[in-house]
Amino acid sequence: MADIEIHPNRESAGAAGHAGGGTCACGGHDEGIPEVDVQTIPHAVRHAAIFGMLDGLRPGFGMVLSATHDPVPLLHQLAERAPGMFDVEYLDRGPERWRLHVRRVDPAA
């Protein structure tokens, strides 16, 4: 088992010679905009899982949500939960698949 090192911040972890220069050391890297088919997430935890993914986005970054219905209830919850924090753009509007690009607003922009 590998030794675990705890650093006070990303910069010191990167300075210690870890892969990615202070970023995630899992070896994976996101290419482009991630797309999630929400039907693959169990219904009982679907909205919570989506909110967790959206909360993990850095300002200015986004993801595409794909669903078999227009996710209006989810969008209402998102607007109540995080007013003004996300921009939503429909890429496809059914009838078989709805695809939305959801981007975390960058307050510095």
N, C-alpha and C. Protein backbone atom coordinates (compact mmCIF):
# COMPACT_ATOMS: atom_id res chain seq x y z
N MET A 1 0.85 -1.18 0.00
CA MET A 1 0.00 0.00 0.00
C MET A 1 0.88 1.24 0.00
N ALA A 2 0.51 2.22 -0.77
CA ALA A 2 1.30 3.45 -0.88
C ALA A 2 1.18 4.29 0.38
N ASP A 3 2.24 5.04 0.66
CA ASP A 3 2.18 5.97 1.78
C ASP A 3 1.27 7.14 1.42
N ILE A 4 0.57 7.66 2.40
CA ILE A 4 -0.31 8.79 2.19
C ILE A 4 0.33 10.02 2.80
N GLU A 5 0.44 11.06 2.00
CA GLU A 5 1.00 12.32 2.47
C GLU A 5 -0.11 13.36 2.48
N ILE A 6 -0.18 14.14 3.53
CA ILE A 6 -1.18 15.19 3.64
C ILE A 6 -0.46 16.52 3.58
N HIS A 7 -0.92 17.38 2.68
CA HIS A 7 -0.33 18.70 2.48
C HIS A 7 -1.36 19.77 2.79
N PRO A 8 -0.92 20.95 3.23
CA PRO A 8 -1.86 22.00 3.60
C PRO A 8 -2.57 22.63 2.40
N ASN A 9 -2.01 22.48 1.19
CA ASN A 9 -2.64 23.06 0.00
C ASN A 9 -2.12 22.37 -1.25
N ARG A 10 -2.73 22.69 -2.40
CA ARG A 10 -2.35 22.06 -3.66
C ARG A 10 -0.92 22.40 -4.08
N GLU A 11 -0.52 23.64 -3.82
CA GLU A 11 0.80 24.07 -4.23
C GLU A 11 1.90 23.26 -3.56
N SER A 12 1.75 23.02 -2.27
CA SER A 12 2.79 22.24 -1.58
C SER A 12 2.76 20.79 -2.02
N ALA A 13 1.60 20.27 -2.37
CA ALA A 13 1.54 18.90 -2.88
C ALA A 13 2.24 18.82 -4.23
N GLY A 14 2.04 19.82 -5.08
CA GLY A 14 2.73 19.85 -6.38
C GLY A 14 4.22 20.02 -6.21
N ALA A 15 4.64 20.84 -5.26
CA ALA A 15 6.06 21.06 -5.01
C ALA A 15 6.73 19.80 -4.48
N ALA A 16 5.96 18.93 -3.87
CA ALA A 16 6.51 17.69 -3.33
C ALA A 16 6.73 16.65 -4.42
N GLY A 17 6.42 17.02 -5.67
CA GLY A 17 6.70 16.11 -6.78
C GLY A 17 5.57 15.18 -7.16
N HIS A 18 4.34 15.51 -6.80
CA HIS A 18 3.21 14.65 -7.13
C HIS A 18 2.75 14.93 -8.55
N ALA A 19 2.21 13.91 -9.21
CA ALA A 19 1.76 14.03 -10.58
C ALA A 19 0.72 15.12 -10.71
N GLY A 20 0.79 15.86 -11.82
CA GLY A 20 -0.22 16.86 -12.11
C GLY A 20 0.07 18.22 -11.52
N GLY A 21 1.20 18.40 -10.85
CA GLY A 21 1.56 19.72 -10.34
C GLY A 21 0.53 20.29 -9.39
N GLY A 22 0.02 19.48 -8.47
CA GLY A 22 -0.92 19.99 -7.49
C GLY A 22 -2.36 19.72 -7.86
N THR A 23 -2.58 18.99 -8.93
CA THR A 23 -3.94 18.63 -9.29
C THR A 23 -4.20 17.20 -8.87
N CYS A 24 -5.33 16.68 -9.20
CA CYS A 24 -5.67 15.31 -8.85
C CYS A 24 -4.61 14.35 -9.37
N ALA A 25 -4.20 13.41 -8.56
CA ALA A 25 -3.14 12.47 -8.95
C ALA A 25 -3.69 11.12 -9.38
N CYS A 26 -4.97 11.07 -9.74
CA CYS A 26 -5.58 9.79 -10.10
C CYS A 26 -5.12 9.30 -11.46
N GLY A 27 -4.52 10.19 -12.25
CA GLY A 27 -4.06 9.80 -13.57
C GLY A 27 -5.08 10.08 -14.66
N GLY A 28 -6.31 10.38 -14.30
CA GLY A 28 -7.34 10.68 -15.29
C GLY A 28 -7.40 12.17 -15.57
N HIS A 29 -7.81 12.50 -16.77
CA HIS A 29 -7.94 13.91 -17.14
C HIS A 29 -9.19 14.08 -17.97
N ASP A 30 -9.95 15.13 -17.68
CA ASP A 30 -11.16 15.39 -18.46
C ASP A 30 -10.77 15.93 -19.83
N GLU A 31 -11.36 15.36 -20.85
CA GLU A 31 -11.16 15.82 -22.21
C GLU A 31 -12.46 16.48 -22.64
N GLY A 32 -12.43 17.74 -22.94
CA GLY A 32 -13.63 18.42 -23.38
C GLY A 32 -14.64 18.58 -22.27
N ILE A 33 -15.89 18.66 -22.65
CA ILE A 33 -16.98 18.85 -21.69
C ILE A 33 -17.57 17.49 -21.36
N PRO A 34 -17.58 17.10 -20.08
CA PRO A 34 -18.16 15.79 -19.73
C PRO A 34 -19.67 15.77 -19.99
N GLU A 35 -20.17 14.62 -20.44
CA GLU A 35 -21.60 14.44 -20.65
C GLU A 35 -22.08 13.28 -19.79
N VAL A 36 -23.17 13.51 -19.07
CA VAL A 36 -23.72 12.51 -18.17
C VAL A 36 -25.14 12.16 -18.61
N ASP A 37 -25.37 10.87 -18.85
CA ASP A 37 -26.72 10.37 -19.10
C ASP A 37 -27.34 10.14 -17.73
N VAL A 38 -28.24 11.02 -17.33
CA VAL A 38 -28.78 10.96 -15.97
C VAL A 38 -29.61 9.71 -15.73
N GLN A 39 -30.06 9.04 -16.80
CA GLN A 39 -30.83 7.81 -16.62
C GLN A 39 -29.96 6.69 -16.06
N THR A 40 -28.65 6.83 -16.09
CA THR A 40 -27.76 5.80 -15.54
C THR A 40 -27.60 5.94 -14.03
N ILE A 41 -28.14 7.01 -13.46
CA ILE A 41 -28.06 7.25 -12.01
C ILE A 41 -29.35 6.76 -11.38
N PRO A 42 -29.29 5.96 -10.32
CA PRO A 42 -30.52 5.48 -9.68
C PRO A 42 -31.45 6.64 -9.31
N HIS A 43 -32.73 6.47 -9.59
CA HIS A 43 -33.71 7.53 -9.40
C HIS A 43 -33.70 8.09 -7.97
N ALA A 44 -33.53 7.23 -6.99
CA ALA A 44 -33.59 7.66 -5.59
C ALA A 44 -32.52 8.69 -5.23
N VAL A 45 -31.41 8.70 -5.95
CA VAL A 45 -30.32 9.63 -5.63
C VAL A 45 -29.95 10.53 -6.82
N ARG A 46 -30.78 10.52 -7.85
CA ARG A 46 -30.42 11.21 -9.10
C ARG A 46 -30.17 12.70 -8.91
N HIS A 47 -31.12 13.44 -8.32
CA HIS A 47 -30.93 14.89 -8.18
C HIS A 47 -29.76 15.20 -7.27
N ALA A 48 -29.62 14.47 -6.19
CA ALA A 48 -28.50 14.71 -5.27
C ALA A 48 -27.16 14.47 -5.98
N ALA A 49 -27.10 13.42 -6.79
CA ALA A 49 -25.86 13.13 -7.53
C ALA A 49 -25.56 14.24 -8.53
N ILE A 50 -26.58 14.72 -9.23
CA ILE A 50 -26.37 15.80 -10.20
C ILE A 50 -25.91 17.06 -9.50
N PHE A 51 -26.53 17.40 -8.37
CA PHE A 51 -26.11 18.59 -7.63
C PHE A 51 -24.66 18.44 -7.15
N GLY A 52 -24.28 17.24 -6.74
CA GLY A 52 -22.90 17.00 -6.33
C GLY A 52 -21.93 17.23 -7.47
N MET A 53 -22.29 16.76 -8.67
CA MET A 53 -21.43 16.98 -9.84
C MET A 53 -21.34 18.47 -10.17
N LEU A 54 -22.47 19.16 -10.13
CA LEU A 54 -22.47 20.58 -10.45
C LEU A 54 -21.69 21.38 -9.40
N ASP A 55 -21.83 21.00 -8.13
CA ASP A 55 -21.07 21.68 -7.07
C ASP A 55 -19.57 21.51 -7.26
N GLY A 56 -19.16 20.41 -7.90
CA GLY A 56 -17.74 20.15 -8.12
C GLY A 56 -17.14 20.91 -9.28
N LEU A 57 -17.97 21.58 -10.08
CA LEU A 57 -17.45 22.34 -11.21
C LEU A 57 -16.78 23.62 -10.74
N ARG A 58 -15.64 23.92 -11.35
CA ARG A 58 -14.99 25.20 -11.07
C ARG A 58 -15.70 26.29 -11.87
N PRO A 59 -15.64 27.53 -11.41
CA PRO A 59 -16.26 28.63 -12.17
C PRO A 59 -15.74 28.65 -13.61
N GLY A 60 -16.68 28.83 -14.54
CA GLY A 60 -16.35 28.86 -15.95
C GLY A 60 -16.41 27.50 -16.64
N PHE A 61 -16.51 26.42 -15.87
CA PHE A 61 -16.56 25.08 -16.43
C PHE A 61 -17.99 24.56 -16.40
N GLY A 62 -18.27 23.57 -17.25
CA GLY A 62 -19.61 23.05 -17.32
C GLY A 62 -19.64 21.58 -17.69
N MET A 63 -20.85 21.08 -17.86
CA MET A 63 -21.07 19.70 -18.25
C MET A 63 -22.39 19.63 -19.01
N VAL A 64 -22.56 18.53 -19.74
CA VAL A 64 -23.80 18.31 -20.47
C VAL A 64 -24.59 17.24 -19.73
N LEU A 65 -25.84 17.56 -19.44
CA LEU A 65 -26.76 16.59 -18.84
C LEU A 65 -27.67 16.07 -19.95
N SER A 66 -27.82 14.77 -20.03
CA SER A 66 -28.64 14.13 -21.04
C SER A 66 -29.74 13.34 -20.34
N ALA A 67 -31.00 13.55 -20.78
CA ALA A 67 -32.14 12.88 -20.13
C ALA A 67 -33.19 12.51 -21.17
N THR A 68 -34.10 11.61 -20.79
CA THR A 68 -35.17 11.19 -21.68
C THR A 68 -36.42 12.06 -21.53
N HIS A 69 -36.31 13.11 -20.72
CA HIS A 69 -37.42 14.05 -20.54
C HIS A 69 -36.83 15.43 -20.28
N ASP A 70 -37.64 16.45 -20.40
CA ASP A 70 -37.20 17.81 -20.11
C ASP A 70 -37.05 17.93 -18.59
N PRO A 71 -35.85 18.21 -18.08
CA PRO A 71 -35.62 18.20 -16.62
C PRO A 71 -36.04 19.49 -15.92
N VAL A 72 -37.24 19.96 -16.20
CA VAL A 72 -37.73 21.20 -15.62
C VAL A 72 -37.72 21.17 -14.08
N PRO A 73 -38.18 20.09 -13.42
CA PRO A 73 -38.13 20.08 -11.95
C PRO A 73 -36.70 20.25 -11.40
N LEU A 74 -35.74 19.60 -12.04
CA LEU A 74 -34.34 19.73 -11.63
C LEU A 74 -33.88 21.18 -11.80
N LEU A 75 -34.24 21.80 -12.90
CA LEU A 75 -33.82 23.19 -13.15
C LEU A 75 -34.44 24.14 -12.13
N HIS A 76 -35.69 23.89 -11.74
CA HIS A 76 -36.33 24.72 -10.69
C HIS A 76 -35.58 24.55 -9.37
N GLN A 77 -35.25 23.31 -9.03
CA GLN A 77 -34.49 23.07 -7.79
C GLN A 77 -33.13 23.74 -7.84
N LEU A 78 -32.47 23.67 -8.98
CA LEU A 78 -31.15 24.30 -9.12
C LEU A 78 -31.26 25.81 -8.96
N ALA A 79 -32.28 26.42 -9.54
CA ALA A 79 -32.47 27.87 -9.42
C ALA A 79 -32.74 28.29 -7.98
N GLU A 80 -33.49 27.47 -7.24
CA GLU A 80 -33.76 27.76 -5.83
C GLU A 80 -32.53 27.54 -4.96
N ARG A 81 -31.80 26.49 -5.27
CA ARG A 81 -30.65 26.06 -4.46
C ARG A 81 -29.43 26.95 -4.68
N ALA A 82 -29.22 27.38 -5.93
CA ALA A 82 -28.02 28.14 -6.27
C ALA A 82 -28.39 29.25 -7.25
N PRO A 83 -29.15 30.24 -6.80
CA PRO A 83 -29.61 31.29 -7.72
C PRO A 83 -28.46 32.04 -8.37
N GLY A 84 -28.51 32.11 -9.71
CA GLY A 84 -27.51 32.86 -10.46
C GLY A 84 -26.15 32.20 -10.60
N MET A 85 -25.97 31.00 -10.06
CA MET A 85 -24.65 30.36 -10.10
C MET A 85 -24.40 29.54 -11.36
N PHE A 86 -25.47 29.23 -12.13
CA PHE A 86 -25.32 28.38 -13.30
C PHE A 86 -26.07 28.97 -14.48
N ASP A 87 -25.45 28.84 -15.67
CA ASP A 87 -26.12 29.15 -16.93
C ASP A 87 -26.54 27.82 -17.54
N VAL A 88 -27.74 27.79 -18.10
CA VAL A 88 -28.25 26.56 -18.72
C VAL A 88 -28.62 26.87 -20.16
N GLU A 89 -28.12 26.03 -21.07
CA GLU A 89 -28.44 26.16 -22.49
C GLU A 89 -28.90 24.81 -23.02
N TYR A 90 -30.08 24.78 -23.62
CA TYR A 90 -30.56 23.54 -24.23
C TYR A 90 -29.79 23.29 -25.52
N LEU A 91 -29.23 22.10 -25.66
CA LEU A 91 -28.57 21.69 -26.89
C LEU A 91 -29.52 20.89 -27.77
N ASP A 92 -30.35 20.06 -27.16
CA ASP A 92 -31.39 19.28 -27.84
C ASP A 92 -32.65 19.31 -26.99
N ARG A 93 -33.80 19.43 -27.64
CA ARG A 93 -35.09 19.50 -26.94
C ARG A 93 -36.02 18.37 -27.37
N GLY A 94 -35.60 17.13 -27.17
CA GLY A 94 -36.46 15.99 -27.42
C GLY A 94 -36.72 15.72 -28.88
N PRO A 95 -37.66 14.86 -29.18
CA PRO A 95 -38.60 14.22 -28.26
C PRO A 95 -38.01 13.00 -27.54
N GLU A 96 -36.90 12.45 -28.04
CA GLU A 96 -36.34 11.26 -27.40
C GLU A 96 -35.26 11.58 -26.37
N ARG A 97 -34.56 12.69 -26.56
CA ARG A 97 -33.45 13.01 -25.67
C ARG A 97 -33.35 14.52 -25.52
N TRP A 98 -33.22 14.98 -24.27
CA TRP A 98 -32.96 16.37 -23.96
C TRP A 98 -31.52 16.46 -23.50
N ARG A 99 -30.79 17.41 -24.05
CA ARG A 99 -29.39 17.62 -23.65
C ARG A 99 -29.23 19.09 -23.29
N LEU A 100 -28.65 19.32 -22.10
CA LEU A 100 -28.47 20.68 -21.61
C LEU A 100 -27.01 20.90 -21.22
N HIS A 101 -26.47 22.02 -21.64
CA HIS A 101 -25.14 22.41 -21.18
C HIS A 101 -25.34 23.28 -19.95
N VAL A 102 -24.80 22.85 -18.83
CA VAL A 102 -24.91 23.58 -17.57
C VAL A 102 -23.52 24.04 -17.21
N ARG A 103 -23.34 25.36 -17.06
CA ARG A 103 -22.02 25.94 -16.78
C ARG A 103 -22.07 26.77 -15.52
N ARG A 104 -21.07 26.55 -14.65
CA ARG A 104 -20.97 27.37 -13.44
C ARG A 104 -20.50 28.75 -13.84
N VAL A 105 -21.21 29.76 -13.41
CA VAL A 105 -20.88 31.15 -13.74
C VAL A 105 -19.56 31.52 -13.08
N ASP A 106 -18.73 32.19 -13.85
CA ASP A 106 -17.45 32.69 -13.33
C ASP A 106 -17.66 34.15 -12.92
N PRO A 107 -17.69 34.40 -11.60
CA PRO A 107 -17.96 35.77 -11.14
C PRO A 107 -16.88 36.76 -11.56
N ALA A 108 -15.69 36.27 -11.90
CA ALA A 108 -14.60 37.15 -12.30
C ALA A 108 -14.73 37.58 -13.76
N ALA A 109 -15.58 36.89 -14.51
CA ALA A 109 -15.69 37.19 -15.95
C ALA A 109 -16.63 38.34 -16.21
